[in-house]
Every structure is written in structure tokens, then in C-alpha cells.
Amino acid sequence: MTFLNKLYIVFLSALLGFMFLNPSNSFAQLDSSTVRDLLEERDDEIKDLLGPKGTEYTQEQRDRLKDIINGIIDYRTMAKQALQVTFDTLSTEQRTEFVDLFSTIIRDQSLNKLDIYRADVKYEQINVEDSSATVITLAQLEKVRTPVSYEMKFDGYNNKWVVIDMIIDDVSTAGSYQRQFQNIIRKKGYSSLLETLRKRAAK
């Protein structure tokens, strides 16, 4: 056995040992408990910052709320799904602008109805398959119950789970944007959609 072969075996053994002994590696995170812990931690952070009903918020608190609410959303995946084949025709700069506009609009809209984040959440089912997960919950605010599901994927590059779609009362967030955007593109073209998003994001 050559010296390089021996060196490779030593390196491989060390790497495998690290992966099995280090609890923070990605394999240890591909399970339902990690997904639930992530969503519950996010939910608790939001509730702590919201405070009691009627609380007034500073701009700094509102910005912090937007960061927590939207911090686990994969905007690029949702934007690509909304644009469909049009996304593949865009340059890198155009894609970056579209994703930035898309994320700005979603982040701003997330603060329109803050009371919904005060709901009690019951986790009905969490299914994890490879690097994908589906989370089914039931949110109850006062006497109103609303089914909320999350489609998630494991982002290996950033070593974390991210949300790629939210289905609220059987309505897909990604699907809704896809229908809206495709309708505008069919009737007026992508440039018209982009101008519309620029105006909405500037408000």
C-alpha cells in the first residue's frame, strides 16, 4: 500500500469518526424532532416578542419580528416555483432582483395580521423523507381552528431546515403566487410583472 493510500484511509477514518461523534452534523438533523424543535423555537420567539394583544411596537421590534417570522423561508425556491420556466430565462442579476423583490413583499405582508401568530399550535404529523419534510399543524386562535402545513427541505449548504411552502387552510402560498404571476406574464409579459413588484416593494 502506498503512502498516499494510507494517508487517504487515515483521513477517511477521521472524517467518518467526526460525522458519527459530532451531534451537529447534517445527518443528525434529518429527523422529525429537529424539525419540530425549529418550528417551536420560532413560534416561542415570535410570541415572546409580540407580548399581549394591543401591544405597540417600535420599528426595531417590527424588523425583528419580520426576521424571526421569515428567517426560515427559502425565498429563492418559492420565487423559482412562482416564475416557472421564466426563471430559467433570466440572467443572474435579474434572478437576484426578482428574489429580493419577492422576499421584501412577503416580509412586509407577514406583519399585516400579527394576531395570527398568537394562536396555539398543535403538531398533528411530521413526515421526514431523506432531505424533505411535511409538517401538519392545527392553529387555534380563540374559537377559530386553522390547518397549517409546511413543506420543508434540508439546506445542506447552510446546514439547516427551510420552508419552501406554507399551506394555510388548504391554500398553498407558493401556488397562489404562481397563479398570480403566471397570469400577469401571460397577459402582459415578465417586464410588467417586474414593474408591479417594484412598486409593491417600494410602498
C-alpha atoms as a PDB file:
ATOM      1  CA  MET A   1       0.000   0.000   0.000  1.00  0.00           C
ATOM      2  CA  THR A   2       1.429   3.374  -1.000  1.00  0.00           C
ATOM      3  CA  PHE A   3       1.890   6.283   1.377  1.00  0.00           C
ATOM      4  CA  LEU A   4      -0.910   8.247  -0.363  1.00  0.00           C
ATOM      5  CA  ASN A   5      -3.322   5.332   0.014  1.00  0.00           C
ATOM      6  CA  LYS A   6      -2.520   5.063   3.719  1.00  0.00           C
ATOM      7  CA  LEU A   7      -2.962   8.825   4.129  1.00  0.00           C
ATOM      8  CA  TYR A   8      -6.346   8.670   2.375  1.00  0.00           C
ATOM      9  CA  ILE A   9      -7.556   5.846   4.651  1.00  0.00           C
ATOM     10  CA  VAL A  10      -6.482   7.763   7.757  1.00  0.00           C
ATOM     11  CA  PHE A  11      -8.268  10.889   6.525  1.00  0.00           C
ATOM     12  CA  LEU A  12     -11.451   8.947   5.656  1.00  0.00           C
ATOM     13  CA  SER A  13     -11.488   7.218   9.048  1.00  0.00           C
ATOM     14  CA  ALA A  14     -11.099  10.532  10.848  1.00  0.00           C
ATOM     15  CA  LEU A  15     -13.894  12.080   8.791  1.00  0.00           C
ATOM     16  CA  LEU A  16     -16.300   9.212   9.464  1.00  0.00           C
ATOM     17  CA  GLY A  17     -15.452   9.301  13.145  1.00  0.00           C
ATOM     18  CA  PHE A  18     -16.216  13.017  13.267  1.00  0.00           C
ATOM     19  CA  MET A  19     -19.540  12.541  11.490  1.00  0.00           C
ATOM     20  CA  PHE A  20     -20.737   9.884  13.896  1.00  0.00           C
ATOM     21  CA  LEU A  21     -19.437  11.549  17.060  1.00  0.00           C
ATOM     22  CA  ASN A  22     -20.364  15.149  16.321  1.00  0.00           C
ATOM     23  CA  PRO A  23     -24.083  15.694  17.111  1.00  0.00           C
ATOM     24  CA  SER A  24     -24.244  18.829  14.979  1.00  0.00           C
ATOM     25  CA  ASN A  25     -23.543  17.126  11.653  1.00  0.00           C
ATOM     26  CA  SER A  26     -26.225  17.191   8.984  1.00  0.00           C
ATOM     27  CA  PHE A  27     -27.174  13.506   9.288  1.00  0.00           C
ATOM     28  CA  ALA A  28     -28.164  14.036  12.912  1.00  0.00           C
ATOM     29  CA  GLN A  29     -30.556  16.790  11.843  1.00  0.00           C
ATOM     30  CA  LEU A  30     -32.593  14.840   9.299  1.00  0.00           C
ATOM     31  CA  ASP A  31     -35.299  13.798  11.755  1.00  0.00           C
ATOM     32  CA  SER A  32     -38.754  14.931  12.856  1.00  0.00           C
ATOM     33  CA  SER A  33     -37.694  16.111  16.322  1.00  0.00           C
ATOM     34  CA  THR A  34     -35.212  18.608  14.843  1.00  0.00           C
ATOM     35  CA  VAL A  35     -37.887  19.965  12.513  1.00  0.00           C
ATOM     36  CA  ARG A  36     -40.381  20.342  15.351  1.00  0.00           C
ATOM     37  CA  ASP A  37     -37.804  21.954  17.651  1.00  0.00           C
ATOM     38  CA  LEU A  38     -37.010  24.512  14.943  1.00  0.00           C
ATOM     39  CA  LEU A  39     -40.659  25.486  14.409  1.00  0.00           C
ATOM     40  CA  GLU A  40     -41.473  25.534  18.125  1.00  0.00           C
ATOM     41  CA  GLU A  41     -38.457  27.703  18.907  1.00  0.00           C
ATOM     42  CA  ARG A  42     -39.506  30.123  16.160  1.00  0.00           C
ATOM     43  CA  ASP A  43     -43.080  30.167  17.473  1.00  0.00           C
ATOM     44  CA  ASP A  44     -41.925  30.883  21.046  1.00  0.00           C
ATOM     45  CA  GLU A  45     -39.639  33.701  19.900  1.00  0.00           C
ATOM     46  CA  ILE A  46     -42.485  35.343  18.000  1.00  0.00           C
ATOM     47  CA  LYS A  47     -44.910  35.069  20.932  1.00  0.00           C
ATOM     48  CA  ASP A  48     -42.352  36.481  23.385  1.00  0.00           C
ATOM     49  CA  LEU A  49     -41.744  39.488  21.173  1.00  0.00           C
ATOM     50  CA  LEU A  50     -45.446  40.031  20.390  1.00  0.00           C
ATOM     51  CA  GLY A  51     -46.466  40.402  24.011  1.00  0.00           C
ATOM     52  CA  PRO A  52     -50.148  40.827  24.969  1.00  0.00           C
ATOM     53  CA  LYS A  53     -52.796  41.867  22.471  1.00  0.00           C
ATOM     54  CA  GLY A  54     -52.763  45.611  21.801  1.00  0.00           C
ATOM     55  CA  THR A  55     -49.003  45.986  22.268  1.00  0.00           C
ATOM     56  CA  GLU A  56     -47.402  48.829  20.303  1.00  0.00           C
ATOM     57  CA  TYR A  57     -44.121  48.055  18.527  1.00  0.00           C
ATOM     58  CA  THR A  58     -41.099  50.129  17.672  1.00  0.00           C
ATOM     59  CA  GLN A  59     -39.628  49.913  14.165  1.00  0.00           C
ATOM     60  CA  GLU A  60     -36.769  47.870  15.612  1.00  0.00           C
ATOM     61  CA  GLN A  61     -39.245  45.372  17.094  1.00  0.00           C
ATOM     62  CA  ARG A  62     -41.172  45.180  13.818  1.00  0.00           C
ATOM     63  CA  ASP A  63     -37.950  44.491  11.926  1.00  0.00           C
ATOM     64  CA  ARG A  64     -37.042  41.815  14.457  1.00  0.00           C
ATOM     65  CA  LEU A  65     -40.465  40.193  14.057  1.00  0.00           C
ATOM     66  CA  LYS A  66     -40.030  40.092  10.274  1.00  0.00           C
ATOM     67  CA  ASP A  67     -36.628  38.462  10.707  1.00  0.00           C
ATOM     68  CA  ILE A  68     -37.985  35.736  13.007  1.00  0.00           C
ATOM     69  CA  ILE A  69     -41.185  35.070  11.042  1.00  0.00           C
ATOM     70  CA  ASN A  70     -39.421  34.867   7.700  1.00  0.00           C
ATOM     71  CA  GLY A  71     -35.979  33.668   8.771  1.00  0.00           C
ATOM     72  CA  ILE A  72     -36.581  30.029   7.802  1.00  0.00           C
ATOM     73  CA  ILE A  73     -38.226  30.691   4.417  1.00  0.00           C
ATOM     74  CA  ASP A  74     -36.344  29.732   1.254  1.00  0.00           C
ATOM     75  CA  TYR A  75     -37.346  32.674  -0.941  1.00  0.00           C
ATOM     76  CA  ARG A  76     -35.321  31.550  -3.935  1.00  0.00           C
ATOM     77  CA  THR A  77     -37.116  28.197  -4.154  1.00  0.00           C
ATOM     78  CA  MET A  78     -40.529  29.843  -3.762  1.00  0.00           C
ATOM     79  CA  ALA A  79     -39.647  32.528  -6.318  1.00  0.00           C
ATOM     80  CA  LYS A  80     -38.465  29.924  -8.818  1.00  0.00           C
ATOM     81  CA  GLN A  81     -41.667  27.942  -8.365  1.00  0.00           C
ATOM     82  CA  ALA A  82     -43.744  31.095  -8.859  1.00  0.00           C
ATOM     83  CA  LEU A  83     -41.970  32.063 -12.095  1.00  0.00           C
ATOM     84  CA  GLN A  84     -41.818  28.523 -13.510  1.00  0.00           C
ATOM     85  CA  VAL A  85     -39.912  28.378 -16.844  1.00  0.00           C
ATOM     86  CA  THR A  86     -39.441  32.157 -16.910  1.00  0.00           C
ATOM     87  CA  PHE A  87     -36.944  31.866 -14.075  1.00  0.00           C
ATOM     88  CA  ASP A  88     -34.578  29.850 -16.269  1.00  0.00           C
ATOM     89  CA  THR A  89     -34.556  32.574 -18.926  1.00  0.00           C
ATOM     90  CA  LEU A  90     -33.331  35.285 -16.529  1.00  0.00           C
ATOM     91  CA  SER A  91     -29.739  36.363 -16.026  1.00  0.00           C
ATOM     92  CA  THR A  92     -28.078  36.039 -12.618  1.00  0.00           C
ATOM     93  CA  GLU A  93     -28.657  39.742 -11.938  1.00  0.00           C
ATOM     94  CA  GLN A  94     -32.320  39.520 -12.949  1.00  0.00           C
ATOM     95  CA  ARG A  95     -32.883  36.485 -10.730  1.00  0.00           C
ATOM     96  CA  THR A  96     -31.264  38.261  -7.788  1.00  0.00           C
ATOM     97  CA  GLU A  97     -33.504  41.310  -8.247  1.00  0.00           C
ATOM     98  CA  PHE A  98     -36.635  39.179  -8.549  1.00  0.00           C
ATOM     99  CA  VAL A  99     -35.867  37.133  -5.418  1.00  0.00           C
ATOM    100  CA  ASP A 100     -35.076  40.334  -3.483  1.00  0.00           C
ATOM    101  CA  LEU A 101     -38.370  41.945  -4.524  1.00  0.00           C
ATOM    102  CA  PHE A 102     -40.301  38.746  -3.830  1.00  0.00           C
ATOM    103  CA  SER A 103     -38.818  38.376  -0.340  1.00  0.00           C
ATOM    104  CA  THR A 104     -39.405  42.047   0.503  1.00  0.00           C
ATOM    105  CA  ILE A 105     -43.106  41.753  -0.351  1.00  0.00           C
ATOM    106  CA  ILE A 106     -43.577  38.568   1.681  1.00  0.00           C
ATOM    107  CA  ARG A 107     -41.675  40.010   4.654  1.00  0.00           C
ATOM    108  CA  ASP A 108     -43.808  43.157   4.643  1.00  0.00           C
ATOM    109  CA  GLN A 109     -47.058  41.206   4.331  1.00  0.00           C
ATOM    110  CA  SER A 110     -46.108  38.982   7.269  1.00  0.00           C
ATOM    111  CA  LEU A 111     -46.819  41.867   9.675  1.00  0.00           C
ATOM    112  CA  ASN A 112     -50.307  42.639   8.340  1.00  0.00           C
ATOM    113  CA  LYS A 113     -52.082  40.335  10.803  1.00  0.00           C
ATOM    114  CA  LEU A 114     -49.851  39.778  13.811  1.00  0.00           C
ATOM    115  CA  ASP A 115     -52.647  38.264  15.925  1.00  0.00           C
ATOM    116  CA  ILE A 116     -52.442  35.005  13.955  1.00  0.00           C
ATOM    117  CA  TYR A 117     -49.020  34.365  15.495  1.00  0.00           C
ATOM    118  CA  ARG A 118     -50.654  34.272  18.937  1.00  0.00           C
ATOM    119  CA  ALA A 119     -52.505  31.068  18.027  1.00  0.00           C
ATOM    120  CA  ASP A 120     -51.885  27.847  19.938  1.00  0.00           C
ATOM    121  CA  VAL A 121     -50.262  25.312  17.616  1.00  0.00           C
ATOM    122  CA  LYS A 122     -50.830  21.569  17.778  1.00  0.00           C
ATOM    123  CA  TYR A 123     -48.450  19.377  15.786  1.00  0.00           C
ATOM    124  CA  GLU A 124     -50.559  16.680  14.148  1.00  0.00           C
ATOM    125  CA  GLN A 125     -47.936  14.953  11.989  1.00  0.00           C
ATOM    126  CA  ILE A 126     -44.333  15.361  10.854  1.00  0.00           C
ATOM    127  CA  ASN A 127     -43.072  13.226   7.978  1.00  0.00           C
ATOM    128  CA  VAL A 128     -39.381  13.300   7.075  1.00  0.00           C
ATOM    129  CA  GLU A 129     -38.095  11.512   3.982  1.00  0.00           C
ATOM    130  CA  ASP A 130     -34.458  11.991   3.040  1.00  0.00           C
ATOM    131  CA  SER A 131     -33.964  15.772   2.916  1.00  0.00           C
ATOM    132  CA  SER A 132     -37.668  16.686   2.663  1.00  0.00           C
ATOM    133  CA  ALA A 133     -40.274  17.143   5.369  1.00  0.00           C
ATOM    134  CA  THR A 134     -44.010  17.771   5.608  1.00  0.00           C
ATOM    135  CA  VAL A 135     -45.362  19.254   8.830  1.00  0.00           C
ATOM    136  CA  ILE A 136     -49.107  19.263   9.522  1.00  0.00           C
ATOM    137  CA  THR A 137     -50.344  21.505  12.328  1.00  0.00           C
ATOM    138  CA  LEU A 138     -53.603  22.894  13.655  1.00  0.00           C
ATOM    139  CA  ALA A 139     -53.523  26.517  14.790  1.00  0.00           C
ATOM    140  CA  GLN A 140     -56.251  27.682  17.175  1.00  0.00           C
ATOM    141  CA  LEU A 141     -56.884  31.369  17.917  1.00  0.00           C
ATOM    142  CA  GLU A 142     -59.767  31.809  20.326  1.00  0.00           C
ATOM    143  CA  LYS A 143     -62.500  29.579  18.795  1.00  0.00           C
ATOM    144  CA  VAL A 144     -61.154  29.504  15.242  1.00  0.00           C
ATOM    145  CA  ARG A 145     -59.122  26.475  14.131  1.00  0.00           C
ATOM    146  CA  THR A 146     -56.985  26.703  11.012  1.00  0.00           C
ATOM    147  CA  PRO A 147     -54.991  23.843   9.453  1.00  0.00           C
ATOM    148  CA  VAL A 148     -51.462  24.972   8.593  1.00  0.00           C
ATOM    149  CA  SER A 149     -48.930  22.752   6.818  1.00  0.00           C
ATOM    150  CA  TYR A 150     -45.290  23.334   5.936  1.00  0.00           C
ATOM    151  CA  GLU A 151     -43.312  21.848   3.079  1.00  0.00           C
ATOM    152  CA  MET A 152     -39.646  21.907   4.044  1.00  0.00           C
ATOM    153  CA  LYS A 153     -36.271  20.823   2.748  1.00  0.00           C
ATOM    154  CA  PHE A 154     -32.865  20.428   4.338  1.00  0.00           C
ATOM    155  CA  ASP A 155     -30.414  23.028   3.066  1.00  0.00           C
ATOM    156  CA  GLY A 156     -27.133  21.143   3.206  1.00  0.00           C
ATOM    157  CA  TYR A 157     -25.086  24.195   2.229  1.00  0.00           C
ATOM    158  CA  ASN A 158     -26.274  26.169   5.286  1.00  0.00           C
ATOM    159  CA  ASN A 159     -26.903  23.036   7.373  1.00  0.00           C
ATOM    160  CA  LYS A 160     -30.491  23.887   8.315  1.00  0.00           C
ATOM    161  CA  TRP A 161     -34.133  23.162   7.513  1.00  0.00           C
ATOM    162  CA  VAL A 162     -36.002  25.766   5.449  1.00  0.00           C
ATOM    163  CA  VAL A 163     -39.649  26.273   4.469  1.00  0.00           C
ATOM    164  CA  ILE A 164     -40.420  26.144   0.742  1.00  0.00           C
ATOM    165  CA  ASP A 165     -44.208  26.391   1.003  1.00  0.00           C
ATOM    166  CA  MET A 166     -46.930  27.051   3.564  1.00  0.00           C
ATOM    167  CA  ILE A 167     -50.432  25.657   3.066  1.00  0.00           C
ATOM    168  CA  ILE A 168     -52.926  27.652   5.144  1.00  0.00           C
ATOM    169  CA  ASP A 169     -56.498  26.385   5.225  1.00  0.00           C
ATOM    170  CA  ASP A 170     -55.738  24.261   2.136  1.00  0.00           C
ATOM    171  CA  VAL A 171     -54.346  27.253   0.188  1.00  0.00           C
ATOM    172  CA  SER A 172     -50.717  26.993  -0.929  1.00  0.00           C
ATOM    173  CA  THR A 173     -48.679  30.196  -0.544  1.00  0.00           C
ATOM    174  CA  ALA A 174     -46.285  29.254  -3.347  1.00  0.00           C
ATOM    175  CA  GLY A 175     -49.179  28.109  -5.517  1.00  0.00           C
ATOM    176  CA  SER A 176     -51.054  31.382  -5.008  1.00  0.00           C
ATOM    177  CA  TYR A 177     -48.078  33.459  -6.104  1.00  0.00           C
ATOM    178  CA  GLN A 178     -47.525  31.128  -9.032  1.00  0.00           C
ATOM    179  CA  ARG A 179     -51.086  31.636 -10.301  1.00  0.00           C
ATOM    180  CA  GLN A 180     -50.903  35.417  -9.857  1.00  0.00           C
ATOM    181  CA  PHE A 181     -47.517  35.792 -11.537  1.00  0.00           C
ATOM    182  CA  GLN A 182     -48.252  33.432 -14.415  1.00  0.00           C
ATOM    183  CA  ASN A 183     -51.492  35.264 -15.132  1.00  0.00           C
ATOM    184  CA  ILE A 184     -49.643  38.595 -15.413  1.00  0.00           C
ATOM    185  CA  ILE A 185     -46.854  37.072 -17.523  1.00  0.00           C
ATOM    186  CA  ARG A 186     -49.355  35.511 -19.956  1.00  0.00           C
ATOM    187  CA  LYS A 187     -51.286  38.766 -20.384  1.00  0.00           C
ATOM    188  CA  LYS A 188     -48.582  41.456 -20.160  1.00  0.00           C
ATOM    189  CA  GLY A 189     -45.188  39.763 -20.028  1.00  0.00           C
ATOM    190  CA  TYR A 190     -42.460  39.453 -17.405  1.00  0.00           C
ATOM    191  CA  SER A 191     -41.441  43.133 -17.582  1.00  0.00           C
ATOM    192  CA  SER A 192     -44.943  44.127 -16.460  1.00  0.00           C
ATOM    193  CA  LEU A 193     -44.779  41.710 -13.519  1.00  0.00           C
ATOM    194  CA  LEU A 194     -41.385  43.086 -12.509  1.00  0.00           C
ATOM    195  CA  GLU A 195     -42.645  46.665 -12.576  1.00  0.00           C
ATOM    196  CA  THR A 196     -45.644  45.676 -10.450  1.00  0.00           C
ATOM    197  CA  LEU A 197     -43.379  44.038  -7.866  1.00  0.00           C
ATOM    198  CA  ARG A 198     -41.062  47.056  -7.795  1.00  0.00           C
ATOM    199  CA  LYS A 199     -43.995  49.329  -6.963  1.00  0.00           C
ATOM    200  CA  ARG A 200     -45.325  46.999  -4.272  1.00  0.00           C
ATOM    201  CA  ALA A 201     -41.917  46.601  -2.661  1.00  0.00           C
ATOM    202  CA  ALA A 202     -41.377  50.385  -2.624  1.00  0.00           C
ATOM    203  CA  LYS A 203     -44.535  51.089  -0.594  1.00  0.00           C
END
